[in-house]
Amino acid sequence: MRIKICGITQPDQGYAITQLGATMLGFICVRASPRYVTSEQISRILEILPNSIQTIGVFANVSVEEIYQTVTETGLTGVQLHGDESPDFCDRLRQILPNIELIKALRIKSPATLIQAQNYFNHIDSLLLDAYHPQQLGGTGQRLDWQILKPFSPPCSWFLAGGLTPDNIGEALQQLKPDGIDLSSSLERSPGDKDLAKVNQLFQTISAFFSELKTH
């Protein structure tokens, strides 16, 4: 399972989180966010990361050109679209960045939002399902309604996000079968400042969950 820790702002924390077990790190490229990092900051963090780590830039409602510039300046391996980007926008981005992973985030307000997800299946690599918040695009700490996700089985890979914590991740994985998980605010002391003890607790819980699965 892929484990993405988002909202990385500090090189030492980014490196430590990869050593604890993260397979992906997310960098917030949304200027209004308290976790916003510049291309220069992202580049400094990427310099010290193992090559095996996937690095994802999170964007919302900006131009294809701006995303292209950030990706080429930093060497990010993927892009997460967290705004109102259309399937056509995804296609245009894919044309100019053919080798990056393209993730579309959807804020799930109701089962109807899951139906909209079908529009993206052929235009992206992965979906990320986040909790809906009327004012904030992400990092809200609000939990998704897992019940409405139980029948969800898309043809592409998908990440579960929205209110996941070290305390509820076992329950989430028991109820759902995502290909990946995405956490941010529940692992922080303050926005962008990760609490490595909480991150360690998360990985211990995940490890225990999968160990138990093997014994049954």
N, C-alpha and C. Protein backbone atom coordinates (compact mmCIF):
# COMPACT_ATOMS: atom_id res chain seq x y z
N MET A 1 0.84 -1.20 0.00
CA MET A 1 0.00 0.00 0.00
C MET A 1 0.87 1.25 0.00
N ARG A 2 0.44 2.24 -0.76
CA ARG A 2 1.21 3.48 -0.83
C ARG A 2 0.80 4.41 0.32
N ILE A 3 1.80 5.01 0.92
CA ILE A 3 1.53 5.88 2.08
C ILE A 3 2.12 7.26 1.78
N LYS A 4 1.23 8.23 1.65
CA LYS A 4 1.62 9.60 1.28
C LYS A 4 1.43 10.51 2.48
N ILE A 5 2.50 11.17 2.87
CA ILE A 5 2.44 12.17 3.93
C ILE A 5 2.55 13.54 3.25
N CYS A 6 1.55 14.35 3.46
CA CYS A 6 1.43 15.60 2.72
C CYS A 6 1.73 16.82 3.60
N GLY A 7 2.06 17.93 2.93
CA GLY A 7 2.30 19.17 3.65
C GLY A 7 3.71 19.25 4.24
N ILE A 8 4.67 18.64 3.55
CA ILE A 8 6.06 18.66 4.01
C ILE A 8 6.65 20.04 3.73
N THR A 9 7.32 20.60 4.75
CA THR A 9 7.93 21.93 4.58
C THR A 9 9.40 21.96 4.98
N GLN A 10 9.87 20.96 5.73
CA GLN A 10 11.23 21.00 6.29
C GLN A 10 12.04 19.80 5.81
N PRO A 11 13.26 20.03 5.30
CA PRO A 11 14.07 18.93 4.77
C PRO A 11 14.29 17.79 5.76
N ASP A 12 14.66 18.13 7.00
CA ASP A 12 14.97 17.06 7.96
C ASP A 12 13.74 16.21 8.27
N GLN A 13 12.58 16.85 8.35
CA GLN A 13 11.36 16.10 8.61
C GLN A 13 10.99 15.24 7.41
N GLY A 14 11.13 15.78 6.21
CA GLY A 14 10.83 15.00 5.00
C GLY A 14 11.68 13.75 4.94
N TYR A 15 12.98 13.89 5.20
CA TYR A 15 13.88 12.74 5.17
C TYR A 15 13.50 11.73 6.25
N ALA A 16 13.26 12.21 7.47
CA ALA A 16 12.92 11.32 8.58
C ALA A 16 11.64 10.53 8.29
N ILE A 17 10.68 11.17 7.67
CA ILE A 17 9.40 10.51 7.38
C ILE A 17 9.59 9.40 6.34
N THR A 18 10.51 9.61 5.39
CA THR A 18 10.77 8.53 4.43
C THR A 18 11.45 7.35 5.13
N GLN A 19 12.28 7.63 6.12
CA GLN A 19 12.96 6.55 6.85
C GLN A 19 11.98 5.76 7.72
N LEU A 20 10.91 6.40 8.15
CA LEU A 20 9.90 5.71 8.95
C LEU A 20 9.00 4.82 8.11
N GLY A 21 8.94 5.11 6.77
CA GLY A 21 8.15 4.20 5.94
C GLY A 21 7.28 4.83 4.86
N ALA A 22 7.26 6.16 4.77
CA ALA A 22 6.44 6.80 3.73
C ALA A 22 6.98 6.45 2.34
N THR A 23 6.07 6.22 1.40
CA THR A 23 6.49 5.95 0.02
C THR A 23 6.34 7.20 -0.86
N MET A 24 5.58 8.18 -0.36
CA MET A 24 5.33 9.41 -1.12
C MET A 24 5.30 10.60 -0.17
N LEU A 25 5.83 11.72 -0.63
CA LEU A 25 5.71 12.97 0.11
C LEU A 25 4.97 13.98 -0.75
N GLY A 26 4.10 14.76 -0.11
CA GLY A 26 3.33 15.78 -0.82
C GLY A 26 3.77 17.18 -0.43
N PHE A 27 3.84 18.06 -1.43
CA PHE A 27 4.28 19.44 -1.22
C PHE A 27 3.17 20.38 -1.70
N ILE A 28 2.76 21.28 -0.83
CA ILE A 28 1.63 22.15 -1.14
C ILE A 28 2.10 23.36 -1.94
N CYS A 29 1.65 23.42 -3.18
CA CYS A 29 2.03 24.52 -4.09
C CYS A 29 0.87 25.52 -4.23
N VAL A 30 0.02 25.59 -3.22
CA VAL A 30 -1.13 26.50 -3.20
C VAL A 30 -0.76 27.67 -2.29
N ARG A 31 -0.62 28.85 -2.88
CA ARG A 31 -0.07 30.00 -2.14
C ARG A 31 -0.87 30.37 -0.89
N ALA A 32 -2.18 30.14 -0.92
CA ALA A 32 -3.01 30.53 0.22
C ALA A 32 -2.87 29.58 1.41
N SER A 33 -2.21 28.46 1.21
CA SER A 33 -2.12 27.45 2.26
C SER A 33 -1.04 27.79 3.28
N PRO A 34 -1.28 27.50 4.58
CA PRO A 34 -0.23 27.69 5.58
C PRO A 34 0.93 26.71 5.39
N ARG A 35 0.74 25.69 4.55
CA ARG A 35 1.80 24.70 4.28
C ARG A 35 2.49 24.96 2.93
N TYR A 36 2.26 26.12 2.36
CA TYR A 36 2.82 26.44 1.03
C TYR A 36 4.34 26.41 1.05
N VAL A 37 4.92 25.79 0.01
CA VAL A 37 6.37 25.81 -0.18
C VAL A 37 6.69 26.27 -1.59
N THR A 38 7.79 26.99 -1.74
CA THR A 38 8.22 27.48 -3.05
C THR A 38 8.98 26.38 -3.79
N SER A 39 9.23 26.61 -5.07
CA SER A 39 10.03 25.65 -5.84
C SER A 39 11.41 25.47 -5.23
N GLU A 40 11.99 26.57 -4.72
CA GLU A 40 13.32 26.49 -4.11
C GLU A 40 13.29 25.60 -2.87
N GLN A 41 12.25 25.76 -2.05
CA GLN A 41 12.14 24.92 -0.84
C GLN A 41 11.95 23.45 -1.20
N ILE A 42 11.10 23.19 -2.21
CA ILE A 42 10.88 21.81 -2.64
C ILE A 42 12.19 21.19 -3.12
N SER A 43 12.93 21.93 -3.93
CA SER A 43 14.19 21.44 -4.49
C SER A 43 15.18 21.07 -3.38
N ARG A 44 15.25 21.90 -2.33
CA ARG A 44 16.17 21.63 -1.22
C ARG A 44 15.79 20.32 -0.51
N ILE A 45 14.49 20.08 -0.38
CA ILE A 45 14.04 18.85 0.29
C ILE A 45 14.31 17.64 -0.60
N LEU A 46 14.01 17.78 -1.89
CA LEU A 46 14.20 16.64 -2.81
C LEU A 46 15.66 16.21 -2.91
N GLU A 47 16.57 17.15 -2.72
CA GLU A 47 18.01 16.85 -2.82
C GLU A 47 18.44 15.75 -1.86
N ILE A 48 17.80 15.67 -0.69
CA ILE A 48 18.28 14.72 0.33
C ILE A 48 17.40 13.47 0.44
N LEU A 49 16.39 13.35 -0.42
CA LEU A 49 15.49 12.20 -0.33
C LEU A 49 16.03 11.01 -1.13
N PRO A 50 15.72 9.80 -0.69
CA PRO A 50 16.07 8.61 -1.49
C PRO A 50 15.36 8.67 -2.85
N ASN A 51 16.00 8.13 -3.88
CA ASN A 51 15.42 8.16 -5.22
C ASN A 51 14.11 7.39 -5.34
N SER A 52 13.92 6.45 -4.44
CA SER A 52 12.71 5.61 -4.52
C SER A 52 11.44 6.35 -4.09
N ILE A 53 11.59 7.49 -3.44
CA ILE A 53 10.43 8.22 -2.92
C ILE A 53 9.75 9.01 -4.03
N GLN A 54 8.44 8.85 -4.12
CA GLN A 54 7.67 9.65 -5.08
C GLN A 54 7.34 11.00 -4.43
N THR A 55 7.45 12.05 -5.22
CA THR A 55 7.25 13.41 -4.70
C THR A 55 6.16 14.09 -5.50
N ILE A 56 5.12 14.54 -4.79
CA ILE A 56 3.91 15.02 -5.43
C ILE A 56 3.68 16.50 -5.11
N GLY A 57 3.51 17.31 -6.14
CA GLY A 57 3.14 18.71 -5.95
C GLY A 57 1.62 18.84 -5.96
N VAL A 58 1.08 19.53 -4.98
CA VAL A 58 -0.37 19.70 -4.86
C VAL A 58 -0.74 21.11 -5.35
N PHE A 59 -1.59 21.16 -6.38
CA PHE A 59 -1.99 22.43 -7.01
C PHE A 59 -3.51 22.55 -6.99
N ALA A 60 -4.00 23.77 -7.06
CA ALA A 60 -5.45 23.99 -7.11
C ALA A 60 -5.76 25.22 -7.96
N ASN A 61 -6.47 24.97 -9.06
CA ASN A 61 -7.00 26.05 -9.90
C ASN A 61 -5.94 27.03 -10.41
N VAL A 62 -4.83 26.45 -10.88
CA VAL A 62 -3.81 27.29 -11.54
C VAL A 62 -3.63 26.79 -12.97
N SER A 63 -2.84 27.50 -13.75
CA SER A 63 -2.70 27.16 -15.17
C SER A 63 -1.79 25.94 -15.36
N VAL A 64 -1.98 25.30 -16.50
CA VAL A 64 -1.11 24.19 -16.90
C VAL A 64 0.35 24.67 -16.94
N GLU A 65 0.55 25.89 -17.41
CA GLU A 65 1.90 26.45 -17.55
C GLU A 65 2.58 26.59 -16.18
N GLU A 66 1.81 27.03 -15.18
CA GLU A 66 2.40 27.21 -13.84
C GLU A 66 2.80 25.86 -13.25
N ILE A 67 1.95 24.85 -13.44
CA ILE A 67 2.28 23.50 -12.94
C ILE A 67 3.53 22.97 -13.64
N TYR A 68 3.56 23.14 -14.96
CA TYR A 68 4.71 22.68 -15.75
C TYR A 68 6.00 23.32 -15.25
N GLN A 69 5.95 24.62 -14.99
CA GLN A 69 7.15 25.34 -14.53
C GLN A 69 7.63 24.78 -13.19
N THR A 70 6.71 24.57 -12.26
CA THR A 70 7.10 24.07 -10.94
C THR A 70 7.69 22.67 -11.03
N VAL A 71 7.05 21.80 -11.82
CA VAL A 71 7.54 20.42 -11.95
C VAL A 71 8.93 20.39 -12.59
N THR A 72 9.14 21.20 -13.62
CA THR A 72 10.44 21.18 -14.30
C THR A 72 11.53 21.83 -13.44
N GLU A 73 11.16 22.80 -12.62
CA GLU A 73 12.14 23.45 -11.74
C GLU A 73 12.57 22.54 -10.59
N THR A 74 11.67 21.67 -10.14
CA THR A 74 11.93 20.91 -8.92
C THR A 74 12.27 19.43 -9.15
N GLY A 75 11.72 18.85 -10.21
CA GLY A 75 11.90 17.42 -10.41
C GLY A 75 10.87 16.57 -9.70
N LEU A 76 9.73 17.15 -9.35
CA LEU A 76 8.64 16.38 -8.75
C LEU A 76 8.25 15.23 -9.67
N THR A 77 7.85 14.10 -9.09
CA THR A 77 7.48 12.94 -9.91
C THR A 77 5.97 12.86 -10.18
N GLY A 78 5.19 13.72 -9.51
CA GLY A 78 3.75 13.67 -9.73
C GLY A 78 3.07 14.98 -9.40
N VAL A 79 1.83 15.09 -9.85
CA VAL A 79 1.00 16.28 -9.64
C VAL A 79 -0.35 15.84 -9.09
N GLN A 80 -0.78 16.50 -8.04
CA GLN A 80 -2.12 16.28 -7.49
C GLN A 80 -2.95 17.55 -7.72
N LEU A 81 -4.07 17.38 -8.40
CA LEU A 81 -4.96 18.51 -8.68
C LEU A 81 -6.06 18.53 -7.64
N HIS A 82 -6.09 19.60 -6.85
CA HIS A 82 -6.99 19.62 -5.70
C HIS A 82 -8.09 20.68 -5.83
N GLY A 83 -8.24 21.24 -7.05
CA GLY A 83 -9.25 22.27 -7.24
C GLY A 83 -10.40 21.77 -8.10
N ASP A 84 -10.86 22.63 -9.01
CA ASP A 84 -12.02 22.30 -9.85
C ASP A 84 -11.59 21.92 -11.27
N GLU A 85 -10.43 21.31 -11.40
CA GLU A 85 -9.89 20.98 -12.72
C GLU A 85 -10.76 19.94 -13.43
N SER A 86 -10.98 20.16 -14.72
CA SER A 86 -11.84 19.29 -15.52
C SER A 86 -11.03 18.13 -16.11
N PRO A 87 -11.70 17.10 -16.61
CA PRO A 87 -10.99 16.03 -17.33
C PRO A 87 -10.18 16.58 -18.50
N ASP A 88 -10.70 17.61 -19.19
CA ASP A 88 -9.97 18.22 -20.30
C ASP A 88 -8.67 18.86 -19.81
N PHE A 89 -8.72 19.50 -18.65
CA PHE A 89 -7.52 20.10 -18.06
C PHE A 89 -6.49 19.00 -17.78
N CYS A 90 -6.96 17.87 -17.26
CA CYS A 90 -6.06 16.73 -16.99
C CYS A 90 -5.37 16.27 -18.28
N ASP A 91 -6.14 16.23 -19.36
CA ASP A 91 -5.57 15.82 -20.66
C ASP A 91 -4.49 16.78 -21.13
N ARG A 92 -4.75 18.07 -20.96
CA ARG A 92 -3.77 19.08 -21.41
C ARG A 92 -2.48 18.99 -20.58
N LEU A 93 -2.66 18.75 -19.29
CA LEU A 93 -1.49 18.61 -18.41
C LEU A 93 -0.70 17.35 -18.78
N ARG A 94 -1.41 16.28 -19.06
CA ARG A 94 -0.76 15.02 -19.45
C ARG A 94 0.07 15.20 -20.73
N GLN A 95 -0.43 16.03 -21.65
CA GLN A 95 0.29 16.23 -22.91
C GLN A 95 1.64 16.89 -22.70
N ILE A 96 1.71 17.84 -21.77
CA ILE A 96 3.00 18.54 -21.59
C ILE A 96 3.86 17.90 -20.50
N LEU A 97 3.25 17.05 -19.66
CA LEU A 97 4.02 16.33 -18.64
C LEU A 97 3.66 14.84 -18.72
N PRO A 98 4.08 14.17 -19.81
CA PRO A 98 3.63 12.80 -20.04
C PRO A 98 4.18 11.78 -19.06
N ASN A 99 5.26 12.10 -18.36
CA ASN A 99 5.91 11.09 -17.52
C ASN A 99 5.65 11.24 -16.03
N ILE A 100 4.77 12.15 -15.64
CA ILE A 100 4.49 12.31 -14.21
C ILE A 100 3.20 11.58 -13.85
N GLU A 101 3.09 11.21 -12.57
CA GLU A 101 1.83 10.62 -12.10
C GLU A 101 0.82 11.75 -11.92
N LEU A 102 -0.39 11.52 -12.40
CA LEU A 102 -1.44 12.54 -12.31
C LEU A 102 -2.53 12.04 -11.36
N ILE A 103 -2.70 12.77 -10.26
CA ILE A 103 -3.69 12.41 -9.24
C ILE A 103 -4.75 13.50 -9.20
N LYS A 104 -6.01 13.12 -9.26
CA LYS A 104 -7.10 14.10 -9.11
C LYS A 104 -7.78 13.89 -7.77
N ALA A 105 -7.79 14.94 -6.98
CA ALA A 105 -8.46 14.89 -5.68
C ALA A 105 -9.91 15.33 -5.83
N LEU A 106 -10.80 14.62 -5.18
CA LEU A 106 -12.21 14.98 -5.16
C LEU A 106 -12.65 15.11 -3.71
N ARG A 107 -13.35 16.19 -3.41
CA ARG A 107 -13.88 16.38 -2.06
C ARG A 107 -15.29 15.79 -2.03
N ILE A 108 -15.45 14.73 -1.28
CA ILE A 108 -16.68 13.93 -1.33
C ILE A 108 -17.73 14.51 -0.36
N LYS A 109 -18.75 15.08 -0.96
CA LYS A 109 -19.83 15.66 -0.17
C LYS A 109 -20.98 14.67 -0.01
N SER A 110 -21.19 13.84 -1.04
CA SER A 110 -22.31 12.90 -1.04
C SER A 110 -22.00 11.79 -2.04
N PRO A 111 -22.82 10.73 -2.09
CA PRO A 111 -22.60 9.68 -3.09
C PRO A 111 -22.59 10.22 -4.53
N ALA A 112 -23.26 11.35 -4.76
CA ALA A 112 -23.29 11.93 -6.12
C ALA A 112 -21.89 12.35 -6.57
N THR A 113 -21.05 12.79 -5.61
CA THR A 113 -19.68 13.17 -5.97
C THR A 113 -18.90 11.97 -6.49
N LEU A 114 -19.20 10.80 -5.94
CA LEU A 114 -18.51 9.60 -6.39
C LEU A 114 -18.89 9.26 -7.84
N ILE A 115 -20.12 9.58 -8.21
CA ILE A 115 -20.55 9.35 -9.60
C ILE A 115 -19.74 10.26 -10.54
N GLN A 116 -19.49 11.50 -10.09
CA GLN A 116 -18.67 12.43 -10.89
C GLN A 116 -17.26 11.90 -11.11
N ALA A 117 -16.78 11.08 -10.17
CA ALA A 117 -15.42 10.54 -10.28
C ALA A 117 -15.25 9.75 -11.57
N GLN A 118 -16.32 9.17 -12.06
CA GLN A 118 -16.26 8.38 -13.29
C GLN A 118 -15.76 9.20 -14.49
N ASN A 119 -16.03 10.51 -14.45
CA ASN A 119 -15.60 11.38 -15.55
C ASN A 119 -14.08 11.43 -15.69
N TYR A 120 -13.38 11.09 -14.61
CA TYR A 120 -11.91 11.25 -14.60
C TYR A 120 -11.16 9.95 -14.86
N PHE A 121 -11.83 8.81 -14.80
CA PHE A 121 -11.15 7.51 -14.83
C PHE A 121 -10.14 7.39 -15.97
N ASN A 122 -10.50 7.87 -17.15
CA ASN A 122 -9.64 7.69 -18.32
C ASN A 122 -8.65 8.84 -18.54
N HIS A 123 -8.60 9.76 -17.60
CA HIS A 123 -7.79 10.97 -17.80
C HIS A 123 -6.68 11.14 -16.76
N ILE A 124 -6.61 10.24 -15.79
CA ILE A 124 -5.66 10.37 -14.67
C ILE A 124 -5.07 9.01 -14.34
N ASP A 125 -4.08 9.01 -13.44
CA ASP A 125 -3.51 7.75 -12.95
C ASP A 125 -4.19 7.29 -11.67
N SER A 126 -4.49 8.25 -10.80
CA SER A 126 -5.06 7.91 -9.49
C SER A 126 -6.06 8.97 -9.04
N LEU A 127 -7.01 8.53 -8.23
CA LEU A 127 -7.94 9.44 -7.56
C LEU A 127 -7.55 9.57 -6.09
N LEU A 128 -7.85 10.72 -5.51
CA LEU A 128 -7.69 10.90 -4.07
C LEU A 128 -9.01 11.42 -3.54
N LEU A 129 -9.60 10.71 -2.60
CA LEU A 129 -10.89 11.10 -2.05
C LEU A 129 -10.69 11.77 -0.70
N ASP A 130 -11.10 13.03 -0.63
CA ASP A 130 -10.90 13.85 0.57
C ASP A 130 -12.26 14.27 1.11
N ALA A 131 -12.26 14.76 2.34
CA ALA A 131 -13.49 15.23 2.95
C ALA A 131 -13.87 16.59 2.37
N TYR A 132 -15.18 16.83 2.27
CA TYR A 132 -15.65 18.12 1.77
C TYR A 132 -15.65 19.16 2.89
N HIS A 133 -15.17 20.35 2.57
CA HIS A 133 -15.25 21.49 3.48
C HIS A 133 -15.61 22.70 2.63
N PRO A 134 -16.62 23.49 3.04
CA PRO A 134 -17.08 24.59 2.18
C PRO A 134 -16.05 25.68 1.93
N GLN A 135 -15.10 25.87 2.87
CA GLN A 135 -14.12 26.94 2.71
C GLN A 135 -12.72 26.46 2.35
N GLN A 136 -12.35 25.25 2.78
CA GLN A 136 -10.98 24.79 2.61
C GLN A 136 -10.90 23.66 1.60
N LEU A 137 -9.78 23.65 0.84
CA LEU A 137 -9.60 22.62 -0.18
C LEU A 137 -9.05 21.33 0.39
N GLY A 138 -8.32 21.40 1.49
CA GLY A 138 -7.73 20.19 2.04
C GLY A 138 -7.04 20.48 3.35
N GLY A 139 -6.51 19.41 3.97
CA GLY A 139 -5.82 19.58 5.25
C GLY A 139 -6.73 20.03 6.36
N THR A 140 -8.02 19.68 6.27
CA THR A 140 -8.99 20.18 7.24
C THR A 140 -9.06 19.31 8.49
N GLY A 141 -8.61 18.06 8.38
CA GLY A 141 -8.76 17.14 9.51
C GLY A 141 -10.15 16.54 9.60
N GLN A 142 -11.04 16.95 8.70
CA GLN A 142 -12.40 16.40 8.72
C GLN A 142 -12.42 15.01 8.10
N ARG A 143 -13.23 14.14 8.70
CA ARG A 143 -13.25 12.76 8.24
C ARG A 143 -14.33 12.54 7.19
N LEU A 144 -13.97 11.73 6.22
CA LEU A 144 -14.92 11.30 5.19
C LEU A 144 -15.91 10.31 5.78
N ASP A 145 -17.09 10.23 5.17
CA ASP A 145 -18.06 9.20 5.54
C ASP A 145 -17.64 7.91 4.84
N TRP A 146 -17.03 7.01 5.60
CA TRP A 146 -16.52 5.79 5.00
C TRP A 146 -17.63 4.90 4.45
N GLN A 147 -18.82 5.01 5.02
CA GLN A 147 -19.93 4.15 4.57
C GLN A 147 -20.22 4.33 3.08
N ILE A 148 -20.20 5.59 2.61
CA ILE A 148 -20.56 5.81 1.20
C ILE A 148 -19.43 5.36 0.26
N LEU A 149 -18.24 5.10 0.83
CA LEU A 149 -17.12 4.65 0.00
C LEU A 149 -17.08 3.13 -0.16
N LYS A 150 -17.84 2.41 0.65
CA LYS A 150 -17.72 0.94 0.64
C LYS A 150 -17.98 0.32 -0.74
N PRO A 151 -18.97 0.81 -1.52
CA PRO A 151 -19.16 0.21 -2.85
C PRO A 151 -18.21 0.75 -3.92
N PHE A 152 -17.35 1.70 -3.56
CA PHE A 152 -16.50 2.38 -4.54
C PHE A 152 -15.36 1.47 -4.98
N SER A 153 -15.31 1.16 -6.26
CA SER A 153 -14.26 0.29 -6.79
C SER A 153 -13.88 0.76 -8.19
N PRO A 154 -13.09 1.83 -8.28
CA PRO A 154 -12.76 2.41 -9.59
C PRO A 154 -11.76 1.55 -10.36
N PRO A 155 -11.65 1.75 -11.67
CA PRO A 155 -10.67 1.00 -12.46
C PRO A 155 -9.24 1.52 -12.30
N CYS A 156 -9.11 2.69 -11.68
CA CYS A 156 -7.77 3.24 -11.43
C CYS A 156 -7.46 3.12 -9.93
N SER A 157 -6.22 3.36 -9.57
CA SER A 157 -5.87 3.30 -8.15
C SER A 157 -6.46 4.51 -7.43
N TRP A 158 -6.67 4.38 -6.12
CA TRP A 158 -7.25 5.51 -5.37
C TRP A 158 -6.67 5.58 -3.96
N PHE A 159 -6.58 6.84 -3.49
CA PHE A 159 -6.09 7.13 -2.15
C PHE A 159 -7.25 7.57 -1.26
N LEU A 160 -7.20 7.12 -0.02
CA LEU A 160 -8.15 7.60 0.99
C LEU A 160 -7.48 8.71 1.79
N ALA A 161 -8.16 9.85 1.90
CA ALA A 161 -7.66 10.98 2.70
C ALA A 161 -8.81 11.48 3.57
N GLY A 162 -8.61 12.56 4.26
CA GLY A 162 -9.70 13.18 5.01
C GLY A 162 -9.85 12.64 6.41
N GLY A 163 -9.19 13.29 7.38
CA GLY A 163 -9.41 12.94 8.79
C GLY A 163 -8.79 11.64 9.24
N LEU A 164 -7.86 11.10 8.46
CA LEU A 164 -7.17 9.88 8.91
C LEU A 164 -6.16 10.25 10.00
N THR A 165 -6.07 9.39 11.03
CA THR A 165 -5.16 9.62 12.14
C THR A 165 -4.48 8.29 12.51
N PRO A 166 -3.41 8.35 13.31
CA PRO A 166 -2.83 7.10 13.80
C PRO A 166 -3.83 6.26 14.59
N ASP A 167 -4.82 6.91 15.18
CA ASP A 167 -5.80 6.18 16.00
C ASP A 167 -6.90 5.50 15.19
N ASN A 168 -7.25 6.07 14.02
CA ASN A 168 -8.37 5.47 13.27
C ASN A 168 -7.95 4.77 11.99
N ILE A 169 -6.64 4.75 11.70
CA ILE A 169 -6.21 4.19 10.42
C ILE A 169 -6.49 2.69 10.33
N GLY A 170 -6.38 1.99 11.45
CA GLY A 170 -6.68 0.56 11.45
C GLY A 170 -8.13 0.29 11.09
N GLU A 171 -9.02 1.07 11.67
CA GLU A 171 -10.46 0.94 11.38
C GLU A 171 -10.75 1.27 9.92
N ALA A 172 -10.08 2.31 9.40
CA ALA A 172 -10.29 2.70 8.00
C ALA A 172 -9.87 1.58 7.05
N LEU A 173 -8.74 0.98 7.32
CA LEU A 173 -8.23 -0.08 6.44
C LEU A 173 -9.06 -1.36 6.56
N GLN A 174 -9.68 -1.53 7.71
CA GLN A 174 -10.55 -2.69 7.90
C GLN A 174 -11.83 -2.55 7.08
N GLN A 175 -12.33 -1.33 7.01
CA GLN A 175 -13.61 -1.07 6.32
C GLN A 175 -13.44 -0.90 4.81
N LEU A 176 -12.32 -0.34 4.38
CA LEU A 176 -12.13 0.01 2.97
C LEU A 176 -10.85 -0.63 2.45
N LYS A 177 -10.70 -0.64 1.16
CA LYS A 177 -9.50 -1.24 0.55
C LYS A 177 -8.86 -0.24 -0.42
N PRO A 178 -8.40 0.90 0.10
CA PRO A 178 -7.75 1.86 -0.81
C PRO A 178 -6.39 1.34 -1.26
N ASP A 179 -5.90 1.85 -2.37
CA ASP A 179 -4.56 1.51 -2.84
C ASP A 179 -3.50 2.33 -2.11
N GLY A 180 -3.95 3.46 -1.54
CA GLY A 180 -3.03 4.32 -0.82
C GLY A 180 -3.78 5.14 0.20
N ILE A 181 -3.03 5.73 1.13
CA ILE A 181 -3.63 6.63 2.12
C ILE A 181 -2.83 7.93 2.11
N ASP A 182 -3.47 9.01 2.55
CA ASP A 182 -2.86 10.33 2.52
C ASP A 182 -3.18 11.02 3.85
N LEU A 183 -2.16 11.42 4.58
CA LEU A 183 -2.36 12.11 5.86
C LEU A 183 -1.55 13.40 5.89
N SER A 184 -2.07 14.37 6.65
CA SER A 184 -1.35 15.63 6.78
C SER A 184 -1.55 16.22 8.17
N SER A 185 -2.70 16.86 8.39
CA SER A 185 -2.88 17.67 9.61
C SER A 185 -2.85 16.84 10.90
N SER A 186 -3.26 15.57 10.84
CA SER A 186 -3.30 14.76 12.07
C SER A 186 -1.91 14.39 12.56
N LEU A 187 -0.89 14.66 11.74
CA LEU A 187 0.49 14.32 12.12
C LEU A 187 1.31 15.55 12.44
N GLU A 188 0.64 16.66 12.76
CA GLU A 188 1.33 17.94 12.92
C GLU A 188 1.21 18.52 14.32
N ARG A 189 2.24 19.30 14.67
CA ARG A 189 2.15 20.16 15.86
C ARG A 189 1.48 21.48 15.48
N SER A 190 1.83 21.95 14.28
CA SER A 190 1.20 23.14 13.69
C SER A 190 1.33 22.96 12.18
N PRO A 191 0.60 23.75 11.36
CA PRO A 191 0.62 23.51 9.91
C PRO A 191 2.04 23.48 9.33
N GLY A 192 2.39 22.34 8.72
CA GLY A 192 3.70 22.19 8.10
C GLY A 192 4.79 21.69 9.02
N ASP A 193 4.51 21.60 10.33
CA ASP A 193 5.50 21.12 11.30
C ASP A 193 5.07 19.73 11.77
N LYS A 194 5.68 18.69 11.19
CA LYS A 194 5.26 17.32 11.48
C LYS A 194 5.77 16.86 12.85
N ASP A 195 4.95 16.09 13.52
CA ASP A 195 5.29 15.48 14.81
C ASP A 195 5.76 14.06 14.50
N LEU A 196 7.06 13.83 14.56
CA LEU A 196 7.62 12.53 14.14
C LEU A 196 7.17 11.39 15.04
N ALA A 197 6.82 11.69 16.29
CA ALA A 197 6.30 10.64 17.18
C ALA A 197 4.95 10.14 16.66
N LYS A 198 4.12 11.07 16.19
CA LYS A 198 2.82 10.67 15.61
C LYS A 198 3.01 9.90 14.31
N VAL A 199 3.99 10.34 13.50
CA VAL A 199 4.26 9.64 12.24
C VAL A 199 4.71 8.21 12.55
N ASN A 200 5.58 8.06 13.55
CA ASN A 200 6.06 6.74 13.94
C ASN A 200 4.90 5.86 14.43
N GLN A 201 4.00 6.47 15.21
CA GLN A 201 2.82 5.74 15.69
C GLN A 201 1.96 5.26 14.52
N LEU A 202 1.82 6.10 13.50
CA LEU A 202 1.04 5.73 12.32
C LEU A 202 1.63 4.47 11.67
N PHE A 203 2.94 4.47 11.45
CA PHE A 203 3.55 3.33 10.77
C PHE A 203 3.54 2.07 11.61
N GLN A 204 3.64 2.23 12.92
CA GLN A 204 3.54 1.05 13.79
C GLN A 204 2.14 0.44 13.71
N THR A 205 1.12 1.31 13.68
CA THR A 205 -0.27 0.83 13.60
C THR A 205 -0.52 0.13 12.27
N ILE A 206 -0.02 0.71 11.18
CA ILE A 206 -0.20 0.10 9.86
C ILE A 206 0.51 -1.25 9.80
N SER A 207 1.72 -1.30 10.32
CA SER A 207 2.49 -2.53 10.32
C SER A 207 1.77 -3.63 11.12
N ALA A 208 1.23 -3.24 12.27
CA ALA A 208 0.49 -4.21 13.10
C ALA A 208 -0.76 -4.70 12.38
N PHE A 209 -1.43 -3.80 11.65
CA PHE A 209 -2.65 -4.17 10.93
C PHE A 209 -2.33 -5.24 9.87
N PHE A 210 -1.29 -5.02 9.09
CA PHE A 210 -0.96 -5.96 8.02
C PHE A 210 -0.38 -7.27 8.56
N SER A 211 0.32 -7.19 9.69
CA SER A 211 0.82 -8.41 10.33
C SER A 211 -0.34 -9.29 10.77
N GLU A 212 -1.36 -8.65 11.33
CA GLU A 212 -2.54 -9.39 11.79
C GLU A 212 -3.29 -10.01 10.61
N LEU A 213 -3.35 -9.26 9.51
CA LEU A 213 -4.03 -9.79 8.30
C LEU A 213 -3.37 -11.09 7.85
N LYS A 214 -2.03 -11.12 7.92
CA LYS A 214 -1.30 -12.30 7.44
C LYS A 214 -1.58 -13.53 8.30
N THR A 215 -1.86 -13.30 9.58
CA THR A 215 -2.05 -14.43 10.48
C THR A 215 -3.46 -15.02 10.40
N HIS A 216 -4.38 -14.31 9.72
CA HIS A 216 -5.76 -14.80 9.63
C HIS A 216 -6.01 -15.54 8.32
